[in-house]
């Protein structure tokens, strides 16, 4: 049985790029949520440091691969390096409720 895939991305805006980063991330919400195999795609912001947190959940690795092949994700990849420093964590379930 395929296992869910959890992705958490922490994005720290580069100097002067916070508004552009937020706009890019907000633009990812609707198309990502509409993808088959996407169970969650939420945007959070850390109150103290202003970093953004993407909380994503997919039904399986195939859904992640499909997400990464979309036009909106490819556009995001073309812009993100100039806007933010990022850390991406990919997890697979061990014991979830």
N, C-alpha and C. Protein backbone atom coordinates (compact mmCIF):
# COMPACT_ATOMS: atom_id res chain seq x y z
N UNK A 1 0.85 -1.19 0.00
CA UNK A 1 0.00 0.00 0.00
C UNK A 1 0.90 1.25 0.00
N UNK A 2 0.62 2.21 -0.88
CA UNK A 2 1.45 3.42 -0.94
C UNK A 2 1.36 4.22 0.36
N UNK A 3 2.46 4.83 0.74
CA UNK A 3 2.52 5.62 1.96
C UNK A 3 2.40 7.10 1.64
N UNK A 4 1.71 7.81 2.53
CA UNK A 4 1.64 9.27 2.40
C UNK A 4 3.04 9.86 2.47
N UNK A 5 3.18 11.04 1.87
CA UNK A 5 4.44 11.78 1.92
C UNK A 5 4.15 13.17 2.49
N UNK A 6 4.88 13.55 3.54
CA UNK A 6 4.75 14.86 4.18
C UNK A 6 5.94 15.70 3.77
N UNK A 7 5.68 16.92 3.36
CA UNK A 7 6.75 17.87 3.03
C UNK A 7 6.52 19.12 3.86
N UNK A 8 7.59 19.55 4.53
CA UNK A 8 7.56 20.81 5.26
C UNK A 8 8.72 21.64 4.72
N UNK A 9 8.40 22.81 4.22
CA UNK A 9 9.42 23.71 3.70
C UNK A 9 9.42 24.98 4.54
N UNK A 10 10.60 25.36 4.99
CA UNK A 10 10.78 26.60 5.75
C UNK A 10 11.52 27.56 4.84
N UNK A 11 10.92 28.73 4.60
CA UNK A 11 11.46 29.69 3.64
C UNK A 11 11.70 31.02 4.33
N UNK A 12 12.96 31.42 4.39
CA UNK A 12 13.34 32.70 4.99
C UNK A 12 13.54 33.71 3.87
N UNK A 13 12.74 34.77 3.84
CA UNK A 13 12.89 35.73 2.75
C UNK A 13 14.23 36.44 2.78
N UNK A 14 14.79 36.63 1.59
CA UNK A 14 16.01 37.42 1.48
C UNK A 14 15.64 38.89 1.70
N UNK A 15 16.64 39.70 2.01
CA UNK A 15 16.41 41.12 2.32
C UNK A 15 15.61 41.79 1.20
N UNK A 16 14.52 42.43 1.60
CA UNK A 16 13.67 43.15 0.67
C UNK A 16 12.78 42.29 -0.20
N UNK A 17 12.74 40.98 0.05
CA UNK A 17 11.99 40.07 -0.82
C UNK A 17 10.77 39.44 -0.14
N UNK A 18 10.43 39.86 1.07
CA UNK A 18 9.34 39.21 1.81
C UNK A 18 8.01 39.30 1.08
N UNK A 19 7.68 40.46 0.53
CA UNK A 19 6.39 40.60 -0.15
C UNK A 19 6.33 39.75 -1.41
N UNK A 20 7.42 39.74 -2.17
CA UNK A 20 7.46 38.94 -3.40
C UNK A 20 7.39 37.45 -3.06
N UNK A 21 8.06 37.04 -1.99
CA UNK A 21 8.01 35.64 -1.57
C UNK A 21 6.60 35.26 -1.17
N UNK A 22 5.96 36.10 -0.36
CA UNK A 22 4.59 35.79 0.04
C UNK A 22 3.66 35.68 -1.16
N UNK A 23 3.80 36.57 -2.13
CA UNK A 23 2.96 36.51 -3.33
C UNK A 23 3.20 35.21 -4.09
N UNK A 24 4.46 34.82 -4.23
CA UNK A 24 4.77 33.57 -4.92
C UNK A 24 4.14 32.38 -4.21
N UNK A 25 4.30 32.33 -2.89
CA UNK A 25 3.76 31.22 -2.12
C UNK A 25 2.23 31.19 -2.15
N UNK A 26 1.60 32.35 -2.03
CA UNK A 26 0.13 32.40 -2.11
C UNK A 26 -0.35 31.93 -3.48
N UNK A 27 0.42 32.24 -4.52
CA UNK A 27 0.04 31.81 -5.86
C UNK A 27 0.12 30.31 -6.07
N UNK A 28 0.84 29.63 -5.20
CA UNK A 28 0.95 28.17 -5.27
C UNK A 28 -0.22 27.45 -4.61
N UNK A 29 -0.95 28.13 -3.74
CA UNK A 29 -1.96 27.46 -2.92
C UNK A 29 -3.07 26.82 -3.75
N UNK A 30 -3.78 27.62 -4.50
CA UNK A 30 -4.95 27.10 -5.22
C UNK A 30 -4.60 25.99 -6.21
N UNK A 31 -3.62 26.19 -7.09
CA UNK A 31 -3.34 25.10 -8.04
C UNK A 31 -2.78 23.85 -7.36
N UNK A 32 -2.02 24.01 -6.30
CA UNK A 32 -1.47 22.84 -5.61
C UNK A 32 -2.57 22.07 -4.89
N UNK A 33 -3.47 22.78 -4.26
CA UNK A 33 -4.58 22.13 -3.55
C UNK A 33 -5.49 21.38 -4.50
N UNK A 34 -5.56 21.82 -5.75
CA UNK A 34 -6.45 21.21 -6.73
C UNK A 34 -5.86 19.96 -7.38
N UNK A 35 -4.60 19.68 -7.13
CA UNK A 35 -3.94 18.53 -7.76
C UNK A 35 -4.49 17.21 -7.22
N UNK A 36 -4.69 16.24 -8.11
CA UNK A 36 -5.03 14.90 -7.63
C UNK A 36 -3.89 14.38 -6.75
N UNK A 37 -4.23 13.78 -5.65
CA UNK A 37 -3.21 13.24 -4.77
C UNK A 37 -2.72 14.19 -3.71
N UNK A 38 -3.15 15.46 -3.76
CA UNK A 38 -2.78 16.41 -2.71
C UNK A 38 -3.82 16.35 -1.61
N UNK A 39 -3.35 16.14 -0.39
CA UNK A 39 -4.25 16.08 0.77
C UNK A 39 -4.19 17.35 1.61
N UNK A 40 -3.09 18.10 1.49
CA UNK A 40 -2.93 19.32 2.29
C UNK A 40 -1.86 20.18 1.64
N UNK A 41 -2.12 21.48 1.60
CA UNK A 41 -1.13 22.44 1.11
C UNK A 41 -1.45 23.75 1.82
N UNK A 42 -0.81 23.96 2.96
CA UNK A 42 -1.12 25.11 3.80
C UNK A 42 0.11 26.00 3.95
N UNK A 43 -0.14 27.28 4.05
CA UNK A 43 0.92 28.27 4.23
C UNK A 43 0.80 28.88 5.62
N UNK A 44 1.90 28.87 6.34
CA UNK A 44 1.99 29.45 7.68
C UNK A 44 3.09 30.49 7.67
N UNK A 45 3.06 31.38 8.66
CA UNK A 45 4.16 32.32 8.84
C UNK A 45 4.58 32.33 10.30
N UNK A 46 5.87 32.19 10.51
CA UNK A 46 6.42 32.23 11.86
C UNK A 46 6.34 33.67 12.36
N UNK A 47 5.72 33.87 13.50
CA UNK A 47 5.46 35.22 14.01
C UNK A 47 6.72 35.99 14.33
N UNK A 48 7.69 35.35 14.93
CA UNK A 48 8.86 36.09 15.41
C UNK A 48 9.89 36.38 14.34
N UNK A 49 10.08 35.48 13.40
CA UNK A 49 11.16 35.65 12.42
C UNK A 49 10.67 35.98 11.02
N UNK A 50 9.37 35.87 10.78
CA UNK A 50 8.83 36.19 9.47
C UNK A 50 9.07 35.13 8.42
N UNK A 51 9.59 33.96 8.83
CA UNK A 51 9.77 32.88 7.87
C UNK A 51 8.41 32.29 7.51
N UNK A 52 8.32 31.78 6.30
CA UNK A 52 7.11 31.10 5.85
C UNK A 52 7.32 29.60 5.97
N UNK A 53 6.22 28.90 6.24
CA UNK A 53 6.26 27.45 6.39
C UNK A 53 5.19 26.87 5.48
N UNK A 54 5.60 26.02 4.55
CA UNK A 54 4.65 25.28 3.72
C UNK A 54 4.47 23.91 4.35
N UNK A 55 3.23 23.52 4.54
CA UNK A 55 2.87 22.22 5.13
C UNK A 55 2.11 21.46 4.05
N UNK A 56 2.75 20.44 3.50
CA UNK A 56 2.16 19.70 2.37
C UNK A 56 1.99 18.23 2.75
N UNK A 57 0.94 17.61 2.21
CA UNK A 57 0.73 16.18 2.42
C UNK A 57 0.16 15.60 1.13
N UNK A 58 0.78 14.52 0.69
CA UNK A 58 0.38 13.86 -0.56
C UNK A 58 0.03 12.40 -0.28
N UNK A 59 -0.81 11.83 -1.13
CA UNK A 59 -1.22 10.43 -0.92
C UNK A 59 -0.05 9.47 -1.09
N UNK A 60 0.91 9.82 -1.97
CA UNK A 60 2.06 8.94 -2.19
C UNK A 60 3.14 9.69 -2.96
N UNK A 61 4.24 9.00 -3.20
CA UNK A 61 5.36 9.63 -3.91
C UNK A 61 4.99 9.99 -5.34
N UNK A 62 4.13 9.21 -5.97
CA UNK A 62 3.69 9.53 -7.33
C UNK A 62 2.99 10.88 -7.38
N UNK A 63 2.22 11.20 -6.35
CA UNK A 63 1.54 12.50 -6.29
C UNK A 63 2.56 13.63 -6.11
N UNK A 64 3.61 13.39 -5.33
CA UNK A 64 4.68 14.38 -5.17
C UNK A 64 5.36 14.60 -6.51
N UNK A 65 5.66 13.52 -7.20
CA UNK A 65 6.32 13.62 -8.51
C UNK A 65 5.45 14.40 -9.49
N UNK A 66 4.15 14.15 -9.47
CA UNK A 66 3.22 14.88 -10.34
C UNK A 66 3.21 16.36 -10.00
N UNK A 67 3.20 16.67 -8.70
CA UNK A 67 3.23 18.07 -8.25
C UNK A 67 4.48 18.76 -8.78
N UNK A 68 5.60 18.10 -8.66
CA UNK A 68 6.87 18.70 -9.07
C UNK A 68 6.98 18.87 -10.58
N UNK A 69 6.14 18.18 -11.33
CA UNK A 69 6.15 18.29 -12.79
C UNK A 69 5.19 19.37 -13.31
N UNK A 70 4.37 19.95 -12.42
CA UNK A 70 3.39 20.94 -12.87
C UNK A 70 4.06 22.25 -13.30
N UNK A 71 3.35 23.00 -14.11
CA UNK A 71 3.84 24.30 -14.54
C UNK A 71 4.01 25.27 -13.38
N UNK A 72 3.07 25.25 -12.43
CA UNK A 72 3.18 26.20 -11.32
C UNK A 72 4.37 25.87 -10.42
N UNK A 73 4.69 24.58 -10.24
CA UNK A 73 5.87 24.25 -9.44
C UNK A 73 7.15 24.60 -10.19
N UNK A 74 7.18 24.36 -11.47
CA UNK A 74 8.37 24.71 -12.26
C UNK A 74 8.59 26.22 -12.26
N UNK A 75 7.52 26.99 -12.32
CA UNK A 75 7.63 28.45 -12.24
C UNK A 75 8.18 28.87 -10.87
N UNK A 76 7.67 28.24 -9.82
CA UNK A 76 8.15 28.48 -8.45
C UNK A 76 9.65 28.22 -8.36
N UNK A 77 10.09 27.08 -8.91
CA UNK A 77 11.52 26.75 -8.87
C UNK A 77 12.38 27.80 -9.56
N UNK A 78 11.84 28.38 -10.62
CA UNK A 78 12.59 29.40 -11.34
C UNK A 78 12.73 30.71 -10.60
N UNK A 79 11.93 30.92 -9.56
CA UNK A 79 11.93 32.18 -8.83
C UNK A 79 12.43 32.09 -7.39
N UNK A 80 12.30 30.92 -6.78
CA UNK A 80 12.49 30.82 -5.33
C UNK A 80 13.90 31.14 -4.87
N UNK A 81 14.91 30.79 -5.63
CA UNK A 81 16.29 31.01 -5.19
C UNK A 81 16.61 32.49 -5.02
N UNK A 82 16.00 33.35 -5.82
CA UNK A 82 16.27 34.79 -5.68
C UNK A 82 15.47 35.42 -4.54
N UNK A 83 14.46 34.71 -4.05
CA UNK A 83 13.57 35.27 -3.03
C UNK A 83 13.84 34.77 -1.61
N UNK A 84 14.37 33.55 -1.48
CA UNK A 84 14.43 32.96 -0.14
C UNK A 84 15.55 31.94 0.02
N UNK A 85 15.95 31.79 1.27
CA UNK A 85 16.75 30.65 1.69
C UNK A 85 15.73 29.61 2.15
N UNK A 86 15.94 28.35 1.78
CA UNK A 86 14.92 27.37 2.15
C UNK A 86 15.50 26.07 2.64
N UNK A 87 14.71 25.46 3.49
CA UNK A 87 15.00 24.13 4.02
C UNK A 87 13.77 23.29 3.73
N UNK A 88 13.94 22.16 3.07
CA UNK A 88 12.82 21.29 2.74
C UNK A 88 13.03 19.94 3.41
N UNK A 89 12.04 19.51 4.17
CA UNK A 89 12.06 18.22 4.85
C UNK A 89 10.99 17.33 4.23
N UNK A 90 11.35 16.12 3.88
CA UNK A 90 10.41 15.16 3.30
C UNK A 90 10.33 13.97 4.25
N UNK A 91 9.12 13.66 4.69
CA UNK A 91 8.94 12.57 5.64
C UNK A 91 7.96 11.52 5.15
N UNK A 92 8.17 10.32 5.65
CA UNK A 92 7.28 9.19 5.38
C UNK A 92 6.77 8.70 6.73
N UNK A 93 5.53 8.21 6.78
CA UNK A 93 4.94 7.85 8.08
C UNK A 93 5.67 6.71 8.77
N UNK A 94 5.80 6.89 10.07
CA UNK A 94 6.34 5.85 10.94
C UNK A 94 5.22 5.36 11.84
N UNK A 95 4.59 6.30 12.53
CA UNK A 95 3.48 5.97 13.44
C UNK A 95 2.64 7.23 13.58
N UNK A 96 1.59 7.34 12.78
CA UNK A 96 0.74 8.52 12.81
C UNK A 96 -0.68 8.13 13.20
N UNK A 97 -1.39 9.09 13.79
CA UNK A 97 -2.75 8.82 14.24
C UNK A 97 -3.78 9.39 13.31
